[in-house]
C-alpha atoms as a PDB file:
ATOM      1  CA  MET A   1     -27.123   4.469 -10.865  1.00  0.00           C
ATOM      2  CA  ASP A   2     -29.565   2.208  -9.022  1.00  0.00           C
ATOM      3  CA  PHE A   3     -28.918   1.147  -5.444  1.00  0.00           C
ATOM      4  CA  GLN A   4     -30.922  -1.199  -3.259  1.00  0.00           C
ATOM      5  CA  GLU A   5     -31.303   0.353   0.171  1.00  0.00           C
ATOM      6  CA  LEU A   6     -31.553  -1.845   3.247  1.00  0.00           C
ATOM      7  CA  ASN A   7     -34.963  -2.055   4.888  1.00  0.00           C
ATOM      8  CA  ASN A   8     -35.554  -1.146   8.543  1.00  0.00           C
ATOM      9  CA  ASP A   9     -35.058  -4.697   9.834  1.00  0.00           C
ATOM     10  CA  GLN A  10     -31.815  -5.035   7.916  1.00  0.00           C
ATOM     11  CA  ARG A  11     -30.524  -1.677   9.129  1.00  0.00           C
ATOM     12  CA  ARG A  12     -31.268  -2.606  12.741  1.00  0.00           C
ATOM     13  CA  GLU A  13     -29.381  -5.882  12.506  1.00  0.00           C
ATOM     14  CA  VAL A  14     -26.455  -4.283  10.698  1.00  0.00           C
ATOM     15  CA  VAL A  15     -26.092  -1.883  13.634  1.00  0.00           C
ATOM     16  CA  ASN A  16     -26.422  -4.778  16.093  1.00  0.00           C
ATOM     17  CA  SER A  17     -23.785  -6.708  14.167  1.00  0.00           C
ATOM     18  CA  GLN A  18     -21.355  -3.801  14.185  1.00  0.00           C
ATOM     19  CA  GLN A  19     -21.779  -3.174  17.919  1.00  0.00           C
ATOM     20  CA  ARG A  20     -21.449  -6.827  18.877  1.00  0.00           C
ATOM     21  CA  PHE A  21     -18.497  -7.275  16.561  1.00  0.00           C
ATOM     22  CA  GLN A  22     -16.709  -4.358  18.227  1.00  0.00           C
ATOM     23  CA  ALA A  23     -17.426  -5.870  21.657  1.00  0.00           C
ATOM     24  CA  LEU A  24     -15.975  -9.156  20.401  1.00  0.00           C
ATOM     25  CA  ARG A  25     -12.852  -7.405  19.102  1.00  0.00           C
ATOM     26  CA  ASP A  26     -12.395  -5.647  22.441  1.00  0.00           C
ATOM     27  CA  ALA A  27     -12.722  -8.963  24.259  1.00  0.00           C
ATOM     28  CA  LYS A  28     -10.217 -10.575  21.916  1.00  0.00           C
ATOM     29  CA  GLU A  29      -7.767  -7.735  22.591  1.00  0.00           C
ATOM     30  CA  ALA A  30      -8.154  -8.263  26.354  1.00  0.00           C
ATOM     31  CA  TYR A  31      -7.623 -11.992  25.903  1.00  0.00           C
ATOM     32  CA  ASP A  32      -4.548 -11.444  23.735  1.00  0.00           C
ATOM     33  CA  ALA A  33      -3.066  -9.225  26.440  1.00  0.00           C
ATOM     34  CA  HIS A  34      -2.973 -12.333  28.625  1.00  0.00           C
ATOM     35  CA  ARG A  35      -1.616 -14.747  26.056  1.00  0.00           C
ATOM     36  CA  GLY A  36       1.380 -16.793  26.969  1.00  0.00           C
ATOM     37  CA  SER A  37       1.885 -18.354  30.358  1.00  0.00           C
ATOM     38  CA  LEU A  38       3.366 -17.716  33.785  1.00  0.00           C
ATOM     39  CA  THR A  39       5.224 -20.682  35.203  1.00  0.00           C
ATOM     40  CA  TRP A  40       7.672 -21.445  37.993  1.00  0.00           C
ATOM     41  CA  VAL A  41      11.158 -22.337  36.794  1.00  0.00           C
ATOM     42  CA  GLU A  42      13.844 -23.687  39.118  1.00  0.00           C
ATOM     43  CA  SER A  43      17.398 -22.383  38.747  1.00  0.00           C
ATOM     44  CA  LYS A  44      20.306 -22.892  41.145  1.00  0.00           C
ATOM     45  CA  GLY A  45      18.040 -24.030  43.932  1.00  0.00           C
ATOM     46  CA  HIS A  46      15.574 -21.123  43.619  1.00  0.00           C
ATOM     47  CA  GLU A  47      12.218 -20.794  41.860  1.00  0.00           C
ATOM     48  CA  TYR A  48      11.504 -17.890  39.540  1.00  0.00           C
ATOM     49  CA  LEU A  49       8.285 -16.746  37.903  1.00  0.00           C
ATOM     50  CA  VAL A  50       8.793 -16.788  34.136  1.00  0.00           C
ATOM     51  CA  ARG A  51       6.502 -15.532  31.404  1.00  0.00           C
ATOM     52  CA  SER A  52       6.642 -17.215  27.993  1.00  0.00           C
ATOM     53  CA  TYR A  53       5.276 -15.319  25.007  1.00  0.00           C
ATOM     54  CA  TYR A  54       5.806 -14.449  21.333  1.00  0.00           C
ATOM     55  CA  ASP A  55       7.344 -11.103  20.445  1.00  0.00           C
ATOM     56  CA  LYS A  56       6.308  -8.893  17.488  1.00  0.00           C
ATOM     57  CA  ALA A  57       8.719 -10.719  15.194  1.00  0.00           C
ATOM     58  CA  GLY A  58       7.020 -14.010  15.969  1.00  0.00           C
ATOM     59  CA  LEU A  59       9.880 -15.360  18.086  1.00  0.00           C
ATOM     60  CA  ARG A  60       9.173 -17.161  21.329  1.00  0.00           C
ATOM     61  CA  LYS A  61      10.595 -15.301  24.301  1.00  0.00           C
ATOM     62  CA  GLN A  62      10.867 -15.828  28.042  1.00  0.00           C
ATOM     63  CA  SER A  63      11.308 -13.193  30.713  1.00  0.00           C
ATOM     64  CA  SER A  64      11.797 -13.544  34.443  1.00  0.00           C
ATOM     65  CA  LEU A  65       9.405 -11.653  36.698  1.00  0.00           C
ATOM     66  CA  GLY A  66      11.367 -12.339  39.874  1.00  0.00           C
ATOM     67  CA  ALA A  67      12.050 -14.932  42.511  1.00  0.00           C
ATOM     68  CA  ARG A  68       9.195 -16.764  44.177  1.00  0.00           C
ATOM     69  CA  SER A  69       7.644 -14.579  46.859  1.00  0.00           C
ATOM     70  CA  ALA A  70       4.252 -13.486  48.092  1.00  0.00           C
ATOM     71  CA  GLU A  71       4.324 -10.744  45.474  1.00  0.00           C
ATOM     72  CA  THR A  72       5.126 -13.008  42.500  1.00  0.00           C
ATOM     73  CA  GLU A  73       2.647 -15.645  43.707  1.00  0.00           C
ATOM     74  CA  LYS A  74      -0.080 -12.985  43.746  1.00  0.00           C
ATOM     75  CA  MET A  75       1.082 -11.835  40.298  1.00  0.00           C
ATOM     76  CA  LYS A  76       0.590 -15.362  38.939  1.00  0.00           C
ATOM     77  CA  VAL A  77      -2.847 -15.762  40.557  1.00  0.00           C
ATOM     78  CA  ASP A  78      -4.021 -12.365  39.270  1.00  0.00           C
ATOM     79  CA  PHE A  79      -2.733 -13.079  35.761  1.00  0.00           C
ATOM     80  CA  GLU A  80      -4.499 -16.445  35.572  1.00  0.00           C
ATOM     81  CA  ALA A  81      -7.746 -15.017  36.970  1.00  0.00           C
ATOM     82  CA  LYS A  82      -7.775 -12.183  34.451  1.00  0.00           C
ATOM     83  CA  ARG A  83      -6.957 -14.583  31.628  1.00  0.00           C
ATOM     84  CA  ALA A  84      -9.800 -16.905  32.657  1.00  0.00           C
ATOM     85  CA  ALA A  85     -12.234 -13.968  32.843  1.00  0.00           C
ATOM     86  CA  ALA A  86     -11.137 -12.706  29.436  1.00  0.00           C
ATOM     87  CA  GLU A  87     -11.459 -16.191  27.955  1.00  0.00           C
ATOM     88  CA  ASN A  88     -14.967 -16.595  29.398  1.00  0.00           C
ATOM     89  CA  ARG A  89     -16.110 -13.216  28.078  1.00  0.00           C
ATOM     90  CA  LEU A  90     -14.671 -14.010  24.653  1.00  0.00           C
ATOM     91  CA  LYS A  91     -16.482 -17.369  24.603  1.00  0.00           C
ATOM     92  CA  ASN A  92     -19.815 -15.753  25.531  1.00  0.00           C
ATOM     93  CA  LEU A  93     -19.471 -13.024  22.920  1.00  0.00           C
ATOM     94  CA  ARG A  94     -18.605 -15.572  20.240  1.00  0.00           C
ATOM     95  CA  GLY A  95     -21.843 -17.364  21.079  1.00  0.00           C
ATOM     96  CA  THR A  96     -23.728 -14.073  20.759  1.00  0.00           C
ATOM     97  CA  MET A  97     -22.036 -13.445  17.424  1.00  0.00           C
ATOM     98  CA  ASP A  98     -23.023 -16.912  16.176  1.00  0.00           C
ATOM     99  CA  ARG A  99     -26.677 -16.134  16.944  1.00  0.00           C
ATOM    100  CA  GLN A 100     -26.347 -12.746  15.251  1.00  0.00           C
ATOM    101  CA  ALA A 101     -24.924 -14.424  12.148  1.00  0.00           C
ATOM    102  CA  ALA A 102     -28.008 -16.637  11.922  1.00  0.00           C
ATOM    103  CA  VAL A 103     -30.228 -13.536  12.030  1.00  0.00           C
ATOM    104  CA  ASN A 104     -28.105 -11.883   9.350  1.00  0.00           C
ATOM    105  CA  ARG A 105     -28.430 -14.919   7.080  1.00  0.00           C
ATOM    106  CA  ALA A 106     -32.196 -14.961   7.543  1.00  0.00           C
ATOM    107  CA  LEU A 107     -32.364 -11.306   6.521  1.00  0.00           C
ATOM    108  CA  GLY A 108     -30.154 -11.870   3.472  1.00  0.00           C
ATOM    109  CA  LEU A 109     -27.414  -9.522   4.681  1.00  0.00           C
ATOM    110  CA  GLY A 110     -24.468 -11.658   3.604  1.00  0.00           C
ATOM    111  CA  ARG A 111     -22.353 -10.069   0.886  1.00  0.00           C
ATOM    112  CA  VAL A 112     -18.613 -10.692   1.154  1.00  0.00           C
ATOM    113  CA  PRO A 113     -17.497 -13.973  -0.493  1.00  0.00           C
ATOM    114  CA  LEU A 114     -16.523 -16.452   2.205  1.00  0.00           C
ATOM    115  CA  ILE A 115     -12.950 -17.152   1.085  1.00  0.00           C
ATOM    116  CA  GLY A 116     -12.161 -13.427   0.840  1.00  0.00           C
ATOM    117  CA  ALA A 117     -13.679 -12.799   4.271  1.00  0.00           C
ATOM    118  CA  ARG A 118     -11.601 -15.581   5.806  1.00  0.00           C
ATOM    119  CA  ILE A 119      -8.428 -14.162   4.319  1.00  0.00           C
ATOM    120  CA  MET A 120      -9.210 -10.690   5.653  1.00  0.00           C
ATOM    121  CA  ARG A 121      -9.941 -12.107   9.119  1.00  0.00           C
ATOM    122  CA  ALA A 122      -6.663 -14.016   9.107  1.00  0.00           C
ATOM    123  CA  LEU A 123      -4.724 -10.896   8.147  1.00  0.00           C
ATOM    124  CA  ASP A 124      -6.565  -8.950  10.842  1.00  0.00           C
ATOM    125  CA  GLY A 125      -5.849 -11.633  13.416  1.00  0.00           C
ATOM    126  CA  PHE A 126      -2.116 -11.368  12.742  1.00  0.00           C
ATOM    127  CA  GLY A 127      -2.161  -7.594  13.013  1.00  0.00           C
ATOM    128  CA  MET A 128      -1.527  -6.950   9.300  1.00  0.00           C
ATOM    129  CA  LEU A 129      -4.835  -5.527   8.095  1.00  0.00           C
ATOM    130  CA  GLY A 130      -4.520  -1.755   8.086  1.00  0.00           C
ATOM    131  CA  SER A 131      -0.939  -2.020   9.383  1.00  0.00           C
ATOM    132  CA  GLY A 132       0.965  -2.834   6.234  1.00  0.00           C
ATOM    133  CA  ILE A 133      -1.832  -4.420   4.192  1.00  0.00           C
ATOM    134  CA  ARG A 134      -4.884  -2.768   2.620  1.00  0.00           C
ATOM    135  CA  ILE A 135      -7.641  -4.400   0.593  1.00  0.00           C
ATOM    136  CA  LEU A 136      -7.786  -3.264  -3.027  1.00  0.00           C
ATOM    137  CA  GLY A 137      -9.785  -4.146  -6.096  1.00  0.00           C
ATOM    138  CA  THR A 138     -13.377  -5.289  -6.077  1.00  0.00           C
ATOM    139  CA  ASN A 139     -13.333  -6.445  -2.442  1.00  0.00           C
ATOM    140  CA  ALA A 140     -13.001  -2.810  -1.354  1.00  0.00           C
ATOM    141  CA  VAL A 141     -16.485  -2.178  -2.785  1.00  0.00           C
ATOM    142  CA  TYR A 142     -17.986  -4.252   0.044  1.00  0.00           C
ATOM    143  CA  ALA A 143     -16.555  -1.758   2.548  1.00  0.00           C
ATOM    144  CA  TYR A 144     -18.000   1.213   0.670  1.00  0.00           C
ATOM    145  CA  GLU A 145     -21.491  -0.225   0.261  1.00  0.00           C
ATOM    146  CA  ALA A 146     -21.567  -1.491   3.867  1.00  0.00           C
ATOM    147  CA  SER A 147     -20.886   2.034   5.138  1.00  0.00           C
ATOM    148  CA  SER A 148     -23.553   3.407   2.798  1.00  0.00           C
ATOM    149  CA  GLY A 149     -26.301   1.029   3.918  1.00  0.00           C
ATOM    150  CA  VAL A 150     -27.048  -0.010   0.348  1.00  0.00           C
ATOM    151  CA  ARG A 151     -26.174  -2.684  -2.178  1.00  0.00           C
ATOM    152  CA  ILE A 152     -24.808  -2.117  -5.619  1.00  0.00           C
ATOM    153  CA  ASP A 153     -25.323  -4.296  -8.683  1.00  0.00           C
ATOM    154  CA  PRO A 154     -23.991  -7.775  -7.727  1.00  0.00           C
ATOM    155  CA  GLY A 155     -22.282  -7.994 -11.105  1.00  0.00           C
ATOM    156  CA  LEU A 156     -19.982  -5.137 -10.122  1.00  0.00           C
ATOM    157  CA  ALA A 157     -18.988  -6.699  -6.789  1.00  0.00           C
ATOM    158  CA  THR A 158     -18.570 -10.364  -7.741  1.00  0.00           C
ATOM    159  CA  THR A 159     -14.940 -11.439  -7.657  1.00  0.00           C
ATOM    160  CA  GLU A 160     -12.812 -14.574  -7.576  1.00  0.00           C
ATOM    161  CA  ASP A 161      -9.653 -12.904  -6.325  1.00  0.00           C
ATOM    162  CA  ILE A 162      -8.326 -10.467  -3.773  1.00  0.00           C
ATOM    163  CA  ASP A 163      -5.621  -7.820  -4.177  1.00  0.00           C
ATOM    164  CA  LEU A 164      -3.481  -6.994  -1.145  1.00  0.00           C
ATOM    165  CA  LEU A 165      -1.618  -3.675  -1.182  1.00  0.00           C
ATOM    166  CA  PHE A 166       1.670  -4.084   0.674  1.00  0.00           C
ATOM    167  CA  ASP A 167       2.959  -0.945   2.392  1.00  0.00           C
ATOM    168  CA  ALA A 168       6.266  -1.571   4.158  1.00  0.00           C
ATOM    169  CA  ARG A 169       7.155   2.085   4.771  1.00  0.00           C
ATOM    170  CA  GLY A 170       6.363   2.007   8.474  1.00  0.00           C
ATOM    171  CA  GLY A 171       7.376  -1.573   9.106  1.00  0.00           C
ATOM    172  CA  LEU A 172       4.747  -4.280   9.275  1.00  0.00           C
ATOM    173  CA  THR A 173       4.006  -5.642  12.743  1.00  0.00           C
ATOM    174  CA  PHE A 174       3.302  -9.373  12.837  1.00  0.00           C
ATOM    175  CA  VAL A 175       1.377 -10.689  15.845  1.00  0.00           C
ATOM    176  CA  ALA A 176       2.301 -14.343  16.366  1.00  0.00           C
ATOM    177  CA  ASP A 177       0.371 -16.923  18.331  1.00  0.00           C
ATOM    178  CA  ASP A 178       1.070 -20.373  19.717  1.00  0.00           C
ATOM    179  CA  LYS A 179       0.575 -22.015  16.313  1.00  0.00           C
ATOM    180  CA  VAL A 180       2.402 -19.645  13.971  1.00  0.00           C
ATOM    181  CA  SER A 181       5.812 -18.238  14.845  1.00  0.00           C
ATOM    182  CA  GLU A 182       7.011 -17.084  11.443  1.00  0.00           C
ATOM    183  CA  SER A 183       5.630 -14.101   9.513  1.00  0.00           C
ATOM    184  CA  SER A 184       4.746 -15.545   6.112  1.00  0.00           C
ATOM    185  CA  LEU A 185       1.773 -14.479   4.025  1.00  0.00           C
ATOM    186  CA  LEU A 186       1.641 -17.815   2.229  1.00  0.00           C
ATOM    187  CA  LYS A 187       1.540 -19.716   5.520  1.00  0.00           C
ATOM    188  CA  ILE A 188      -1.283 -17.500   6.729  1.00  0.00           C
ATOM    189  CA  LEU A 189      -3.208 -18.212   3.516  1.00  0.00           C
ATOM    190  CA  GLN A 190      -2.616 -21.930   4.025  1.00  0.00           C
ATOM    191  CA  ARG A 191      -4.222 -21.656   7.449  1.00  0.00           C
ATOM    192  CA  VAL A 192      -7.314 -20.364   5.659  1.00  0.00           C
ATOM    193  CA  ASP A 193      -7.148 -23.035   2.940  1.00  0.00           C
ATOM    194  CA  THR A 194      -4.428 -25.673   2.874  1.00  0.00           C
ATOM    195  CA  SER A 195      -4.604 -25.857  -0.935  1.00  0.00           C
ATOM    196  CA  PHE A 196      -3.094 -22.379  -1.438  1.00  0.00           C
ATOM    197  CA  GLU A 197       0.233 -22.535  -3.264  1.00  0.00           C
ATOM    198  CA  ARG A 198       2.535 -19.906  -4.725  1.00  0.00           C
ATOM    199  CA  ALA A 199       1.973 -19.635  -8.469  1.00  0.00           C
ATOM    200  CA  LYS A 200       4.631 -19.278 -11.167  1.00  0.00           C
ATOM    201  CA  GLN A 201       4.131 -15.557 -10.767  1.00  0.00           C
ATOM    202  CA  THR A 202       5.710 -15.246  -7.334  1.00  0.00           C
ATOM    203  CA  PHE A 203       3.426 -12.368  -6.316  1.00  0.00           C
ATOM    204  CA  ARG A 204       0.390 -14.679  -6.547  1.00  0.00           C
ATOM    205  CA  ALA A 205      -1.097 -17.557  -4.569  1.00  0.00           C
ATOM    206  CA  VAL A 206      -3.856 -19.784  -5.941  1.00  0.00           C
ATOM    207  CA  ASN A 207      -6.005 -22.470  -4.318  1.00  0.00           C
ATOM    208  CA  ARG A 208      -7.553 -25.597  -5.820  1.00  0.00           C
ATOM    209  CA  ASP A 209     -10.683 -23.655  -6.818  1.00  0.00           C
ATOM    210  CA  GLY A 210      -8.674 -21.085  -8.750  1.00  0.00           C
ATOM    211  CA  TYR A 211      -9.130 -18.280  -6.220  1.00  0.00           C
ATOM    212  CA  LEU A 212      -6.256 -15.822  -6.593  1.00  0.00           C
ATOM    213  CA  VAL A 213      -4.440 -13.715  -4.004  1.00  0.00           C
ATOM    214  CA  ASP A 214      -2.092 -11.069  -5.402  1.00  0.00           C
ATOM    215  CA  LEU A 215       0.448  -9.150  -3.329  1.00  0.00           C
ATOM    216  CA  ILE A 216       1.105  -5.803  -5.002  1.00  0.00           C
ATOM    217  CA  LYS A 217       2.890  -2.562  -4.190  1.00  0.00           C
ATOM    218  CA  PRO A 218       3.611   0.841  -5.804  1.00  0.00           C
ATOM    219  CA  MET A 219       6.446   1.460  -8.210  1.00  0.00           C
ATOM    220  CA  GLN A 220       9.679   2.151  -6.353  1.00  0.00           C
ATOM    221  CA  SER A 221      10.573   5.828  -6.146  1.00  0.00           C
ATOM    222  CA  PRO A 222      13.379   6.473  -6.717  1.00  0.00           C
ATOM    223  CA  PRO A 223      13.847   3.198  -8.660  1.00  0.00           C
ATOM    224  CA  TRP A 224      17.165   2.347  -6.980  1.00  0.00           C
ATOM    225  CA  LYS A 225      15.824   2.721  -3.454  1.00  0.00           C
ATOM    226  CA  LYS A 226      15.448  -0.662  -1.796  1.00  0.00           C
ATOM    227  CA  ALA A 227      12.284  -1.571   0.089  1.00  0.00           C
ATOM    228  CA  PRO A 228      10.880  -4.861   1.391  1.00  0.00           C
ATOM    229  CA  ASP A 229       8.820  -6.889  -1.050  1.00  0.00           C
ATOM    230  CA  LYS A 230       7.934  -9.733   1.337  1.00  0.00           C
ATOM    231  CA  ILE A 231       5.998  -9.928   4.577  1.00  0.00           C
ATOM    232  CA  GLY A 232       8.753 -11.866   6.350  1.00  0.00           C
ATOM    233  CA  SER A 233      11.950 -13.748   5.659  1.00  0.00           C
ATOM    234  CA  ASP A 234      10.478 -16.962   4.279  1.00  0.00           C
ATOM    235  CA  PRO A 235      12.159 -17.502   0.859  1.00  0.00           C
ATOM    236  CA  GLU A 236       9.049 -19.328  -0.385  1.00  0.00           C
ATOM    237  CA  ASP A 237       6.690 -16.482   0.515  1.00  0.00           C
ATOM    238  CA  LEU A 238       4.914 -14.240  -1.991  1.00  0.00           C
ATOM    239  CA  THR A 239       6.982 -11.402  -3.455  1.00  0.00           C
ATOM    240  CA  ALA A 240       5.078  -8.160  -4.108  1.00  0.00           C
ATOM    241  CA  VAL A 241       4.960  -6.962  -7.704  1.00  0.00           C
ATOM    242  CA  GLN A 242       5.288  -3.235  -8.478  1.00  0.00           C
ATOM    243  CA  ILE A 243       2.344  -1.624 -10.301  1.00  0.00           C
ATOM    244  CA  GLU A 244       1.974   1.936 -11.569  1.00  0.00           C
ATOM    245  CA  GLY A 245      -0.567   4.164  -9.823  1.00  0.00           C
ATOM    246  CA  LEU A 246      -0.696   2.284  -6.520  1.00  0.00           C
ATOM    247  CA  ASP A 247       1.169   5.060  -4.702  1.00  0.00           C
ATOM    248  CA  TRP A 248      -2.059   7.104  -4.916  1.00  0.00           C
ATOM    249  CA  LEU A 249      -3.957   4.364  -3.082  1.00  0.00           C
ATOM    250  CA  GLN A 250      -1.119   3.817  -0.626  1.00  0.00           C
ATOM    251  CA  ASN A 251      -1.004   7.530   0.265  1.00  0.00           C
ATOM    252  CA  SER A 252      -4.768   7.953   0.538  1.00  0.00           C
ATOM    253  CA  PRO A 253      -6.520   7.997   3.919  1.00  0.00           C
ATOM    254  CA  ALA A 254      -7.528   4.557   5.141  1.00  0.00           C
ATOM    255  CA  PHE A 255     -11.228   3.673   4.998  1.00  0.00           C
ATOM    256  CA  GLU A 256     -12.423   1.116   7.527  1.00  0.00           C
ATOM    257  CA  ALA A 257     -15.812  -0.598   7.551  1.00  0.00           C
ATOM    258  CA  THR A 258     -17.528  -3.687   8.912  1.00  0.00           C
ATOM    259  CA  ALA A 259     -19.213  -5.738   6.198  1.00  0.00           C
ATOM    260  CA  ILE A 260     -21.036  -9.077   6.454  1.00  0.00           C
ATOM    261  CA  ASP A 261     -19.925 -12.251   4.731  1.00  0.00           C
ATOM    262  CA  GLU A 262     -22.018 -14.946   3.061  1.00  0.00           C
ATOM    263  CA  LYS A 263     -22.460 -16.809   6.381  1.00  0.00           C
ATOM    264  CA  GLY A 264     -23.754 -13.680   8.115  1.00  0.00           C
ATOM    265  CA  GLU A 265     -20.558 -13.017  10.058  1.00  0.00           C
ATOM    266  CA  PRO A 266     -19.027  -9.531  10.304  1.00  0.00           C
ATOM    267  CA  VAL A 267     -15.639  -8.885   8.728  1.00  0.00           C
ATOM    268  CA  ARG A 268     -13.407  -5.835   9.112  1.00  0.00           C
ATOM    269  CA  ILE A 269     -12.189  -4.320   5.852  1.00  0.00           C
ATOM    270  CA  VAL A 270      -9.496  -1.656   5.582  1.00  0.00           C
ATOM    271  CA  ALA A 271      -9.354  -0.136   2.099  1.00  0.00           C
ATOM    272  CA  PRO A 272      -8.255   3.148   0.505  1.00  0.00           C
ATOM    273  CA  ASP A 273     -10.430   6.250   0.599  1.00  0.00           C
ATOM    274  CA  PRO A 274     -13.351   5.567  -1.801  1.00  0.00           C
ATOM    275  CA  ARG A 275     -12.796   8.873  -3.618  1.00  0.00           C
ATOM    276  CA  VAL A 276      -9.238   7.890  -4.463  1.00  0.00           C
ATOM    277  CA  TRP A 277     -10.331   4.347  -5.279  1.00  0.00           C
ATOM    278  CA  ALA A 278     -12.965   5.589  -7.752  1.00  0.00           C
ATOM    279  CA  ALA A 279     -10.568   8.066  -9.362  1.00  0.00           C
ATOM    280  CA  HIS A 280      -7.955   5.341  -9.738  1.00  0.00           C
ATOM    281  CA  LYS A 281     -10.501   2.966 -11.291  1.00  0.00           C
ATOM    282  CA  LEU A 282     -11.547   5.636 -13.783  1.00  0.00           C
ATOM    283  CA  TRP A 283      -7.888   6.217 -14.668  1.00  0.00           C
ATOM    284  CA  LEU A 284      -7.456   2.459 -15.213  1.00  0.00           C
ATOM    285  CA  SER A 285     -10.531   2.369 -17.454  1.00  0.00           C
ATOM    286  CA  ARG A 286      -8.901   4.871 -19.821  1.00  0.00           C
ATOM    287  CA  ARG A 287      -5.538   3.148 -20.173  1.00  0.00           C
ATOM    288  CA  ALA A 288      -4.941   1.865 -23.685  1.00  0.00           C
ATOM    289  CA  ASP A 289      -2.905  -1.085 -22.377  1.00  0.00           C
ATOM    290  CA  ARG A 290      -5.791  -2.344 -20.207  1.00  0.00           C
ATOM    291  CA  GLU A 291      -7.913  -5.233 -21.494  1.00  0.00           C
ATOM    292  CA  PRO A 292     -11.227  -3.950 -22.957  1.00  0.00           C
ATOM    293  CA  LEU A 293     -13.436  -6.073 -20.674  1.00  0.00           C
ATOM    294  CA  LYS A 294     -11.527  -4.893 -17.613  1.00  0.00           C
ATOM    295  CA  ARG A 295     -11.737  -1.267 -18.762  1.00  0.00           C
ATOM    296  CA  GLN A 296     -15.517  -1.507 -19.005  1.00  0.00           C
ATOM    297  CA  ARG A 297     -15.813  -3.039 -15.534  1.00  0.00           C
ATOM    298  CA  ASP A 298     -13.380  -0.441 -14.125  1.00  0.00           C
ATOM    299  CA  ALA A 299     -15.505   2.387 -15.494  1.00  0.00           C
ATOM    300  CA  ALA A 300     -18.744   0.905 -14.121  1.00  0.00           C
ATOM    301  CA  GLN A 301     -17.206   0.369 -10.685  1.00  0.00           C
ATOM    302  CA  ALA A 302     -15.793   3.899 -10.648  1.00  0.00           C
ATOM    303  CA  GLU A 303     -19.234   5.300 -11.469  1.00  0.00           C
ATOM    304  CA  ALA A 304     -20.908   3.181  -8.769  1.00  0.00           C
ATOM    305  CA  VAL A 305     -18.471   4.115  -5.992  1.00  0.00           C
ATOM    306  CA  GLY A 306     -18.530   7.772  -7.045  1.00  0.00           C
ATOM    307  CA  ALA A 307     -22.328   7.723  -6.710  1.00  0.00           C
ATOM    308  CA  LEU A 308     -22.077   6.076  -3.289  1.00  0.00           C
ATOM    309  CA  VAL A 309     -19.786   8.866  -2.121  1.00  0.00           C
ATOM    310  CA  ALA A 310     -21.986  11.612  -3.571  1.00  0.00           C
ATOM    311  CA  ASN A 311     -25.294  10.275  -2.249  1.00  0.00           C
ATOM    312  CA  TYR A 312     -24.468   8.391   0.949  1.00  0.00           C
ATOM    313  CA  LEU A 313     -20.904   9.020   2.130  1.00  0.00           C
ATOM    314  CA  THR A 314     -21.509  12.752   2.221  1.00  0.00           C
ATOM    315  CA  HIS A 315     -18.894  13.269   4.952  1.00  0.00           C
ATOM    316  CA  LEU A 316     -16.350  12.683   2.168  1.00  0.00           C
ATOM    317  CA  PRO A 317     -16.802  15.686  -0.151  1.00  0.00           C
ATOM    318  CA  PHE A 318     -14.981  15.902  -3.445  1.00  0.00           C
ATOM    319  CA  ASP A 319     -12.212  18.252  -2.405  1.00  0.00           C
ATOM    320  CA  ALA A 320      -9.016  18.700  -4.398  1.00  0.00           C
ATOM    321  CA  GLU A 321      -6.964  19.421  -1.264  1.00  0.00           C
ATOM    322  CA  GLN A 322      -8.005  16.125   0.325  1.00  0.00           C
ATOM    323  CA  LEU A 323      -7.129  14.353  -2.926  1.00  0.00           C
ATOM    324  CA  ARG A 324      -3.715  15.924  -3.302  1.00  0.00           C
ATOM    325  CA  MET A 325      -2.044  12.498  -3.583  1.00  0.00           C
ATOM    326  CA  LEU A 326      -3.621  12.277  -7.050  1.00  0.00           C
ATOM    327  CA  PRO A 327      -2.254  14.064 -10.149  1.00  0.00           C
ATOM    328  CA  LYS A 328      -4.343  17.128 -11.029  1.00  0.00           C
ATOM    329  CA  GLU A 329      -5.443  15.647 -14.340  1.00  0.00           C
ATOM    330  CA  VAL A 330      -6.739  12.539 -12.557  1.00  0.00           C
ATOM    331  CA  VAL A 331      -8.683  14.682 -10.060  1.00  0.00           C
ATOM    332  CA  ASP A 332     -10.171  16.827 -12.824  1.00  0.00           C
ATOM    333  CA  SER A 333     -11.141  13.770 -14.844  1.00  0.00           C
ATOM    334  CA  ALA A 334     -12.835  12.116 -11.844  1.00  0.00           C
ATOM    335  CA  GLU A 335     -14.822  15.128 -10.641  1.00  0.00           C
ATOM    336  CA  PRO A 336     -18.004  14.248 -12.625  1.00  0.00           C
ATOM    337  CA  LEU A 337     -18.165  10.906 -10.804  1.00  0.00           C
ATOM    338  CA  PHE A 338     -19.033  12.704  -7.581  1.00  0.00           C
ATOM    339  CA  ALA A 339     -21.863  14.908  -8.851  1.00  0.00           C
ATOM    340  CA  LYS A 340     -24.944  14.135  -6.777  1.00  0.00           C
ATOM    341  CA  LYS A 341     -27.663  12.464  -8.812  1.00  0.00           C
ATOM    342  CA  ASP A 342     -31.101  11.112  -8.067  1.00  0.00           C
ATOM    343  CA  THR A 343     -30.771   7.409  -7.306  1.00  0.00           C
ATOM    344  CA  ALA A 344     -33.560   4.897  -7.842  1.00  0.00           C
ATOM    345  CA  ALA A 345     -32.970   3.374  -4.431  1.00  0.00           C
ATOM    346  CA  ARG A 346     -35.539   0.874  -3.246  1.00  0.00           C
ATOM    347  CA  ALA A 347     -36.086  -1.080  -0.063  1.00  0.00           C
END
């Protein structure tokens, strides 16, 4: 398996991108902590300090912080000062990130297709990525290669769709803002691209360019046990379809990485453990009911990710105990994928 390793300049800017992106995320978190507003509201001849905000369900709420006094006046001043400081820091870091993106483009670091990156950012912005939604399919490969500091064959990573694994076991937390107050996956997709519509298959959304977004989840176990199949309560939202084998990916450890999109901008990806992902892909490639062309691509992707794990992600050894969410026969079948081989890596 041939991999193209990043050169020294590229490695340096990848590290810079990751560090600056984390600083930007921290600044955004500080800014979000001061979202909403503090205003004076008059009631029965008295003024009260009231905070308006959106709760985790996306509903607008108001809470009183007390009658007007020296204490509440200071509270309002402090809140607005901290919000202004957080907003200024966020603005400055976004400017830094814009300059970093230009450097990344010049060095040819962009990998993640733009539409997929925008969808992942939107999900992250609403608190869903890694908290009820994981990235599956080919887009997960960008997380694995980004962490490895190499590139795989572009033919194995090219994709015109994105698979979203819906895990509602712990309850998905939706973070609303001033523009969206209802948790709906389709509405979030339409913020990315207004042309997204739900397809005839209600688990799928498609835009005018034919880019597909599929919402999928594991088979129900036991079959009669009820579990959510939508992000929110919107009757027009996508409905997750059940697919065999996804419980392995759902139960695997999460794998988080920062990749770079085609415009040079960092994007956070949360995917399943690459060992489980590769084993699952190999299992798919040997299913008789799978289309032949897909089986061939599955096998090639499984081999590529297995080689990444063996040669670069060496902190993830092939260990049966760590892969206990997989059936023994699947683990045994996948073991050869993770045998360390000489790679013809080149700068």
